[in-house]
Amino acid sequence: MAEQPSGHQADGPGPGRDGAGGPETSWPAVRQVALLFLKLGTIAFGGPAAHTAMMRDELVRRRGWIDDQRFVDLMAATNLIPGPNSTELAIHLGYDRARRRGLLAAGVCFILPAALMVTALAWAYVTYGSTPALQGLLYGIVPAVIAVIAHALFGLLRTVIKTVRLGVLAVAALTAYLLGVNELLILGAGALLAAAAHLTRHLHANGTHGALAPLLTLGGLPVFPDPTGGQLIQLFATLLKIGSVLYGSGYVLLAFLQGAFVERLGWISGRQLIDAVSVGQVTPGPVFTTATFLGYLVAGPIGAFLATVAIFLPSFVFVGLLTRITDRLRAGAWTSALLDGLNAAALALMAGVSYQLARTAIIDPLTIAIAAISLVLLWTTRLNNAWLIGGGAAIGLAHALLT
């Protein structure tokens, strides 16, 4: 059962539905989607696991637009397609609320804040040879983000782990992730094992047997301060291809960008690539805005714009196609079992990423206190997580100034 908002249902008569039982397609519903994901795109620090937790907090716990079962089904389904999974989840959630208008509004508004921030940082990088320090902010923000993730994990646990078998599967998936097994392999194995177990039981019953690095590279003009059409087309096509085939974590993205921009094209240095990935990781919203930074280094503002469109465009297309089959996965018994296994593996991956993030961010009594107080507030109040992020940022800045 979903955790229902206490006291009232703020944004409509049902979870993501109008009074007739269908998705809302009116402009007020699209506006709700746009404003929500614009906010999330501005405060969603911490990477995909954090983005997912914040979406769950806003859409399930606070607004009641969907229930936890629907949320985890969409979360698992987006792991089946290439691209930035948390962004694709945002796009699919927008579609679930307001169909095609919602799909576009959620995706654009989730991406836009990070793209603008990264473009500004890229300008500072090219102009001054470094970017503004964000380390103090992150010191306080990340422990609060970890609390948001932990709260979401516990909230989803009873929805995802329906049986002892799924619990064992989740533990095995978490263990495999911590041992370094590929995320896609874990997700696929989880889905197939759950489906196989269901088919076996069915046959038997019938009598047969998923810290900002120092930015010290010298600045200067972009590689192509006055790019030609051919150079812009090559930039766009390269990132469009990467966005179309990329599965996995930010490390996989790093490998693709290294091969394309450093080794094959020679447009940037390895140091500049690391700096670009660092900026993508420490700004809120999708990590794939690393491409925005690279686009600016290559061809200035027009390069940043084209790179952003290219890397994210496949996600809109894939989610548009995925919406046609997601509902059908729950219709059949064996596909429902497959989805349950995929959900358990996806939750385990989310827990594994959170554990690794916690090990690097919760490092002293102050960060422990930030995480603990944030978790208590999430459990005992309906405080919006934006306040937790803001509070963590303020504490982080104060700590940086006093030490």
Protein backbone atom coordinates (compact mmCIF):
# COMPACT_ATOMS: atom_id res chain seq x y z
CA MET A 1 0.00 0.00 0.00
CA ALA A 2 1.21 3.50 -0.69
CA GLU A 3 1.95 5.88 2.13
CA GLN A 4 -0.95 8.26 1.88
CA PRO A 5 -0.65 11.97 2.61
CA SER A 6 -2.23 12.74 5.91
CA GLY A 7 -5.14 15.10 6.12
CA HIS A 8 -5.70 16.12 2.54
CA GLN A 9 -5.02 15.48 -1.13
CA ALA A 10 -3.52 18.70 -2.36
CA ASP A 11 -3.38 18.43 -6.08
CA GLY A 12 -6.40 16.61 -7.43
CA PRO A 13 -9.07 14.04 -6.76
CA GLY A 14 -6.81 11.04 -7.29
CA PRO A 15 -3.19 10.04 -7.82
CA GLY A 16 -2.42 11.55 -11.16
CA ARG A 17 -6.00 11.20 -12.41
CA ASP A 18 -8.94 13.44 -13.09
CA GLY A 19 -12.43 12.85 -11.78
CA ALA A 20 -13.27 10.49 -14.65
CA GLY A 21 -10.36 8.19 -13.81
CA GLY A 22 -8.06 9.17 -16.69
CA PRO A 23 -4.80 11.13 -16.69
CA GLU A 24 -5.14 14.88 -16.46
CA THR A 25 -4.25 16.62 -19.73
CA SER A 26 -5.35 20.18 -18.91
CA TRP A 27 -2.88 23.04 -18.76
CA PRO A 28 -3.22 23.35 -14.94
CA ALA A 29 -1.99 19.74 -14.66
CA VAL A 30 0.90 20.49 -17.02
CA ARG A 31 1.73 23.58 -14.95
CA GLN A 32 1.80 21.44 -11.79
CA VAL A 33 4.21 19.04 -13.47
CA ALA A 34 6.42 21.85 -14.79
CA LEU A 35 6.71 23.65 -11.45
CA LEU A 36 7.40 20.46 -9.51
CA PHE A 37 10.17 19.23 -11.79
CA LEU A 38 11.64 22.72 -12.10
CA LYS A 39 12.01 22.68 -8.32
CA LEU A 40 13.44 19.16 -8.32
CA GLY A 41 15.89 20.07 -11.06
CA THR A 42 17.11 22.94 -8.89
CA ILE A 43 17.58 21.06 -5.60
CA ALA A 44 18.20 17.44 -6.66
CA PHE A 45 21.84 17.05 -5.62
CA GLY A 46 23.37 13.63 -5.10
CA GLY A 47 22.97 11.67 -8.33
CA PRO A 48 20.27 9.29 -9.62
CA ALA A 49 19.51 7.57 -6.31
CA ALA A 50 18.88 10.94 -4.68
CA HIS A 51 16.77 12.13 -7.62
CA THR A 52 14.61 9.00 -7.37
CA ALA A 53 14.16 9.43 -3.62
CA MET A 54 13.12 13.06 -4.00
CA MET A 55 10.64 12.21 -6.75
CA ARG A 56 9.11 9.54 -4.56
CA ASP A 57 8.86 11.99 -1.65
CA GLU A 58 7.14 14.63 -3.78
CA LEU A 59 4.83 12.52 -5.94
CA VAL A 60 3.90 9.65 -3.60
CA ARG A 61 4.30 10.89 -0.04
CA ARG A 62 3.39 14.56 -0.37
CA ARG A 63 1.06 14.86 -3.37
CA GLY A 64 -0.35 11.35 -3.75
CA TRP A 65 -0.28 11.56 -7.55
CA ILE A 66 0.65 7.85 -7.76
CA ASP A 67 1.13 5.00 -5.30
CA ASP A 68 4.36 3.22 -4.41
CA GLN A 69 3.63 0.20 -6.61
CA ARG A 70 3.22 2.37 -9.69
CA PHE A 71 6.33 4.36 -8.76
CA VAL A 72 8.60 1.32 -8.44
CA ASP A 73 7.21 -0.15 -11.67
CA LEU A 74 8.14 3.03 -13.54
CA MET A 75 11.49 3.17 -11.76
CA ALA A 76 12.29 -0.40 -12.83
CA ALA A 77 11.01 0.04 -16.37
CA THR A 78 13.33 3.00 -17.03
CA ASN A 79 16.28 0.75 -16.18
CA LEU A 80 15.45 -1.26 -19.29
CA ILE A 81 16.30 1.57 -21.70
CA PRO A 82 19.55 3.47 -22.40
CA GLY A 83 20.15 6.94 -21.05
CA PRO A 84 20.02 8.80 -17.71
CA ASN A 85 17.54 6.74 -15.71
CA SER A 86 16.49 9.38 -13.16
CA THR A 87 15.78 11.84 -15.97
CA GLU A 88 13.80 9.18 -17.80
CA LEU A 89 11.87 8.47 -14.61
CA ALA A 90 11.01 12.18 -14.40
CA ILE A 91 9.84 12.13 -18.02
CA HIS A 92 7.69 9.03 -17.45
CA LEU A 93 6.19 10.47 -14.26
CA GLY A 94 5.28 13.61 -16.21
CA TYR A 95 3.58 11.46 -18.84
CA ASP A 96 1.71 9.55 -16.14
CA ARG A 97 0.34 12.81 -14.76
CA ALA A 98 -0.39 14.83 -17.93
CA ARG A 99 0.39 12.66 -20.96
CA ARG A 100 2.52 14.10 -23.79
CA ARG A 101 2.47 17.68 -22.50
CA GLY A 102 3.49 16.38 -19.09
CA LEU A 103 6.24 14.24 -20.63
CA LEU A 104 7.83 17.27 -22.26
CA ALA A 105 7.25 19.58 -19.28
CA ALA A 106 8.78 17.17 -16.76
CA GLY A 107 11.82 16.38 -18.86
CA VAL A 108 12.63 19.93 -19.93
CA CYS A 109 12.06 21.41 -16.48
CA PHE A 110 14.13 18.75 -14.73
CA ILE A 111 17.05 19.24 -17.12
CA LEU A 112 16.93 23.04 -17.54
CA PRO A 113 18.21 24.25 -14.11
CA ALA A 114 21.26 21.99 -14.22
CA ALA A 115 21.97 22.87 -17.84
CA LEU A 116 21.93 26.60 -17.02
CA MET A 117 24.13 26.14 -13.93
CA VAL A 118 26.63 24.00 -15.81
CA THR A 119 26.74 26.51 -18.68
CA ALA A 120 27.52 29.29 -16.18
CA LEU A 121 30.26 27.17 -14.59
CA ALA A 122 31.68 26.36 -18.02
CA TRP A 123 31.79 30.10 -18.81
CA ALA A 124 33.70 30.73 -15.56
CA TYR A 125 36.01 27.82 -16.35
CA VAL A 126 36.83 29.09 -19.84
CA THR A 127 37.09 32.72 -18.73
CA TYR A 128 39.01 32.39 -15.47
CA GLY A 129 40.55 28.93 -15.59
CA SER A 130 38.55 27.58 -12.63
CA THR A 131 35.03 27.34 -11.29
CA PRO A 132 33.53 28.71 -8.07
CA ALA A 133 34.13 26.46 -5.06
CA LEU A 134 31.18 24.19 -4.22
CA GLN A 135 32.86 22.01 -1.65
CA GLY A 136 31.38 23.81 1.36
CA LEU A 137 27.85 23.50 -0.03
CA LEU A 138 28.23 19.81 -0.71
CA TYR A 139 29.64 19.13 2.76
CA GLY A 140 26.24 19.98 4.25
CA ILE A 141 23.93 19.03 1.37
CA VAL A 142 25.00 15.43 0.75
CA PRO A 143 24.29 14.13 4.29
CA ALA A 144 20.76 15.58 4.04
CA VAL A 145 20.38 13.94 0.63
CA ILE A 146 21.44 10.59 2.09
CA ALA A 147 18.67 10.91 4.69
CA VAL A 148 16.14 11.55 1.89
CA ILE A 149 17.35 8.40 0.09
CA ALA A 150 17.21 6.29 3.26
CA HIS A 151 13.66 7.46 3.97
CA ALA A 152 12.59 6.56 0.44
CA LEU A 153 14.25 3.13 0.62
CA PHE A 154 12.38 2.22 3.80
CA GLY A 155 9.15 3.53 2.33
CA LEU A 156 9.54 1.41 -0.80
CA LEU A 157 10.70 -1.72 1.02
CA ARG A 158 7.27 -3.10 1.87
CA THR A 159 6.02 -2.42 -1.67
CA VAL A 160 8.92 -4.11 -3.43
CA ILE A 161 9.84 -6.99 -1.08
CA LYS A 162 6.55 -8.87 -1.19
CA THR A 163 7.92 -12.34 -0.48
CA VAL A 164 10.92 -14.02 1.15
CA ARG A 165 12.19 -14.95 -2.31
CA LEU A 166 12.22 -11.31 -3.41
CA GLY A 167 14.01 -10.41 -0.17
CA VAL A 168 16.72 -12.98 -0.88
CA LEU A 169 16.95 -11.73 -4.45
CA ALA A 170 17.41 -8.13 -3.25
CA VAL A 171 20.16 -9.14 -0.81
CA ALA A 172 21.92 -11.10 -3.55
CA ALA A 173 21.65 -8.12 -5.93
CA LEU A 174 23.06 -5.74 -3.31
CA THR A 175 25.94 -8.13 -2.61
CA ALA A 176 26.69 -8.45 -6.31
CA TYR A 177 26.70 -4.66 -6.74
CA LEU A 178 29.10 -4.16 -3.82
CA LEU A 179 31.36 -6.81 -5.36
CA GLY A 180 31.50 -4.81 -8.59
CA VAL A 181 29.12 -6.74 -10.86
CA ASN A 182 27.71 -4.67 -13.76
CA GLU A 183 24.41 -2.95 -12.92
CA LEU A 184 22.66 -4.02 -16.10
CA LEU A 185 23.62 -7.65 -15.49
CA ILE A 186 22.19 -7.44 -11.97
CA LEU A 187 18.91 -5.99 -13.20
CA GLY A 188 18.56 -8.57 -15.95
CA ALA A 189 19.38 -11.45 -13.65
CA GLY A 190 16.90 -10.22 -11.04
CA ALA A 191 14.10 -10.00 -13.59
CA LEU A 192 14.83 -13.37 -15.19
CA LEU A 193 15.25 -15.24 -11.89
CA ALA A 194 11.95 -13.93 -10.56
CA ALA A 195 10.15 -14.80 -13.79
CA ALA A 196 11.72 -18.28 -13.86
CA ALA A 197 10.70 -18.90 -10.24
CA HIS A 198 7.13 -17.91 -11.06
CA LEU A 199 6.98 -20.19 -14.10
CA THR A 200 8.43 -23.09 -12.10
CA ARG A 201 5.81 -22.68 -9.37
CA HIS A 202 3.08 -22.39 -11.98
CA LEU A 203 4.14 -25.59 -13.74
CA HIS A 204 4.45 -27.42 -10.42
CA ALA A 205 0.96 -26.29 -9.38
CA ASN A 206 -0.44 -27.80 -12.56
CA GLY A 207 1.13 -31.21 -11.97
CA THR A 208 4.28 -30.71 -14.07
CA HIS A 209 7.70 -29.89 -13.15
CA GLY A 210 20.56 -1.54 -11.68
CA ALA A 211 33.80 15.81 -4.15
CA LEU A 212 34.28 18.37 -6.84
CA ALA A 213 37.78 17.90 -8.19
CA PRO A 214 40.06 20.95 -8.23
CA LEU A 215 39.51 22.71 -11.55
CA LEU A 216 42.91 24.12 -12.39
CA THR A 217 43.16 23.69 -16.16
CA LEU A 218 44.07 26.92 -17.87
CA GLY A 219 41.11 28.78 -19.36
CA GLY A 220 40.85 30.37 -22.76
CA LEU A 221 38.55 30.37 -25.77
CA PRO A 222 36.50 27.31 -26.73
CA VAL A 223 38.09 24.91 -29.22
CA PHE A 224 35.92 26.45 -31.95
CA PRO A 225 35.10 30.05 -30.94
CA ASP A 226 33.45 30.47 -34.35
CA PRO A 227 32.34 26.92 -35.22
CA THR A 228 31.31 25.81 -38.69
CA GLY A 229 28.12 23.92 -39.43
CA GLY A 230 30.08 20.70 -39.91
CA GLN A 231 31.72 20.97 -36.49
CA LEU A 232 28.39 21.59 -34.79
CA ILE A 233 26.80 18.67 -36.62
CA GLN A 234 29.67 16.40 -35.52
CA LEU A 235 29.29 17.55 -31.89
CA PHE A 236 25.52 16.95 -32.00
CA ALA A 237 25.79 13.57 -33.73
CA THR A 238 28.47 12.30 -31.34
CA LEU A 239 26.45 13.09 -28.22
CA LEU A 240 23.20 11.90 -29.80
CA LYS A 241 24.83 8.51 -30.39
CA ILE A 242 26.13 8.35 -26.82
CA GLY A 243 22.71 9.24 -25.42
CA SER A 244 21.14 6.52 -27.57
CA VAL A 245 23.30 3.60 -26.44
CA LEU A 246 24.59 4.40 -22.96
CA TYR A 247 23.62 2.10 -20.13
CA GLY A 248 25.10 2.26 -16.64
CA SER A 249 26.66 4.76 -14.27
CA GLY A 250 28.61 7.97 -14.63
CA TYR A 251 31.77 5.90 -15.00
CA VAL A 252 30.37 4.41 -18.20
CA LEU A 253 29.57 7.93 -19.45
CA LEU A 254 33.17 8.92 -18.68
CA ALA A 255 34.45 6.04 -20.82
CA PHE A 256 32.25 7.01 -23.79
CA LEU A 257 33.26 10.66 -23.60
CA GLN A 258 36.93 9.76 -23.23
CA GLY A 259 36.82 7.63 -26.37
CA ALA A 260 34.91 10.20 -28.43
CA PHE A 261 36.18 13.64 -27.37
CA VAL A 262 39.69 12.94 -26.09
CA GLU A 263 40.95 9.99 -28.13
CA ARG A 264 39.03 10.07 -31.43
CA LEU A 265 38.28 13.78 -31.99
CA GLY A 266 41.04 15.26 -29.80
CA TRP A 267 38.87 18.29 -28.99
CA ILE A 268 39.58 18.32 -25.25
CA SER A 269 42.21 16.99 -22.85
CA GLY A 270 41.75 14.23 -20.31
CA ARG A 271 42.03 16.84 -17.53
CA GLN A 272 39.22 18.88 -19.05
CA LEU A 273 37.04 15.77 -19.27
CA ILE A 274 37.55 15.00 -15.57
CA ASP A 275 36.68 18.60 -14.76
CA ALA A 276 33.51 18.35 -16.87
CA VAL A 277 32.40 15.14 -15.12
CA SER A 278 33.12 16.74 -11.72
CA VAL A 279 30.86 19.71 -12.52
CA GLY A 280 28.11 17.36 -13.71
CA GLN A 281 28.29 15.43 -10.45
CA VAL A 282 28.23 18.35 -8.02
CA THR A 283 25.46 20.38 -9.63
CA PRO A 284 21.82 19.39 -9.06
CA GLY A 285 19.82 17.49 -11.64
CA PRO A 286 21.08 15.01 -14.24
CA VAL A 287 24.77 14.02 -14.27
CA PHE A 288 24.48 13.95 -18.06
CA THR A 289 24.75 17.76 -18.04
CA THR A 290 28.45 16.93 -18.20
CA ALA A 291 27.72 17.10 -21.94
CA THR A 292 26.58 20.72 -21.54
CA PHE A 293 29.98 21.60 -20.08
CA LEU A 294 31.82 19.78 -22.86
CA GLY A 295 29.67 21.47 -25.50
CA TYR A 296 30.65 24.87 -24.11
CA LEU A 297 34.35 23.95 -24.09
CA VAL A 298 34.11 22.88 -27.73
CA ALA A 299 31.90 25.59 -29.26
CA GLY A 300 30.75 28.10 -26.62
CA PRO A 301 27.08 28.76 -25.80
CA ILE A 302 25.74 27.24 -29.04
CA GLY A 303 27.81 24.13 -28.34
CA ALA A 304 26.40 23.88 -24.81
CA PHE A 305 22.84 24.11 -26.15
CA LEU A 306 23.32 21.54 -28.91
CA ALA A 307 25.16 19.14 -26.61
CA THR A 308 22.35 19.29 -24.04
CA VAL A 309 19.67 18.62 -26.63
CA ALA A 310 21.66 15.77 -28.21
CA ILE A 311 22.45 13.85 -25.01
CA PHE A 312 18.88 14.01 -23.67
CA LEU A 313 16.80 13.74 -26.86
CA PRO A 314 16.96 9.92 -27.01
CA SER A 315 15.52 9.73 -23.48
CA PHE A 316 12.34 11.52 -24.56
CA VAL A 317 11.99 9.16 -27.51
CA PHE A 318 12.66 6.00 -25.48
CA VAL A 319 10.25 6.96 -22.71
CA GLY A 320 7.60 7.82 -25.29
CA LEU A 321 7.94 4.27 -26.60
CA LEU A 322 8.17 2.75 -23.12
CA THR A 323 4.84 4.25 -22.03
CA ARG A 324 3.15 1.96 -24.56
CA ILE A 325 4.27 -1.22 -22.79
CA THR A 326 4.71 -0.37 -19.09
CA ASP A 327 1.05 -0.93 -18.18
CA ARG A 328 1.02 -4.28 -20.01
CA LEU A 329 3.84 -5.64 -17.83
CA ARG A 330 1.41 -5.95 -14.91
CA ALA A 331 -1.27 -7.57 -17.04
CA GLY A 332 0.32 -11.04 -17.31
CA ALA A 333 1.34 -13.25 -14.40
CA TRP A 334 4.86 -14.03 -15.63
CA THR A 335 5.62 -10.47 -16.79
CA SER A 336 4.37 -9.22 -13.42
CA ALA A 337 6.79 -11.62 -11.73
CA LEU A 338 9.56 -10.37 -14.01
CA LEU A 339 8.77 -6.79 -13.01
CA ASP A 340 8.81 -7.76 -9.31
CA GLY A 341 12.31 -9.19 -9.73
CA LEU A 342 13.43 -6.10 -11.61
CA ASN A 343 12.02 -3.90 -8.84
CA ALA A 344 13.87 -5.84 -6.14
CA ALA A 345 17.17 -5.60 -8.04
CA ALA A 346 16.65 -1.88 -8.74
CA LEU A 347 15.97 -1.19 -5.05
CA ALA A 348 19.12 -3.10 -4.13
CA LEU A 349 21.16 -1.00 -6.56
CA MET A 350 19.71 2.16 -5.07
CA ALA A 351 20.73 0.94 -1.60
CA GLY A 352 24.23 0.08 -2.82
CA VAL A 353 24.79 3.49 -4.38
CA SER A 354 23.48 5.14 -1.21
CA TYR A 355 25.87 3.13 0.95
CA GLN A 356 28.84 4.18 -1.17
CA LEU A 357 27.71 7.81 -1.13
CA ALA A 358 27.30 7.72 2.66
CA ARG A 359 30.82 6.37 3.15
CA THR A 360 32.30 9.39 1.36
CA ALA A 361 29.97 12.07 2.76
CA ILE A 362 29.26 11.17 6.40
CA ILE A 363 32.75 11.68 7.77
CA ASP A 364 32.51 13.48 11.13
CA PRO A 365 30.06 14.27 13.97
CA LEU A 366 28.55 17.27 12.15
CA THR A 367 27.69 15.34 8.99
CA ILE A 368 26.31 12.49 11.13
CA ALA A 369 24.09 15.02 12.91
CA ILE A 370 22.87 16.55 9.63
CA ALA A 371 21.91 13.13 8.29
CA ALA A 372 20.26 12.00 11.52
CA ILE A 373 18.24 15.19 12.07
CA SER A 374 17.12 15.20 8.43
CA LEU A 375 15.94 11.60 8.72
CA VAL A 376 14.01 12.31 11.93
CA LEU A 377 12.32 15.33 10.33
CA LEU A 378 11.35 13.28 7.28
CA TRP A 379 9.85 10.58 9.46
CA THR A 380 7.97 12.82 11.87
CA THR A 381 6.88 15.79 9.74
CA ARG A 382 5.74 16.62 6.22
CA LEU A 383 8.59 19.10 5.81
CA ASN A 384 9.51 19.57 2.16
CA ASN A 385 12.97 18.19 1.40
CA ALA A 386 13.90 21.52 -0.21
CA TRP A 387 14.18 22.91 3.33
CA LEU A 388 16.52 20.07 4.28
CA ILE A 389 18.72 20.77 1.25
CA GLY A 390 18.74 24.49 2.06
CA GLY A 391 19.55 23.85 5.71
CA GLY A 392 22.37 21.50 4.78
CA ALA A 393 23.77 24.08 2.35
CA ALA A 394 23.71 26.81 5.03
CA ILE A 395 25.49 24.55 7.54
CA GLY A 396 28.04 23.58 4.91
CA LEU A 397 28.82 27.21 4.03
CA ALA A 398 29.10 28.17 7.71
CA HIS A 399 31.45 25.24 8.30
CA ALA A 400 33.60 26.27 5.32
CA LEU A 401 33.85 29.85 6.60
CA LEU A 402 34.75 28.81 10.15
CA THR A 403 37.35 26.20 9.31
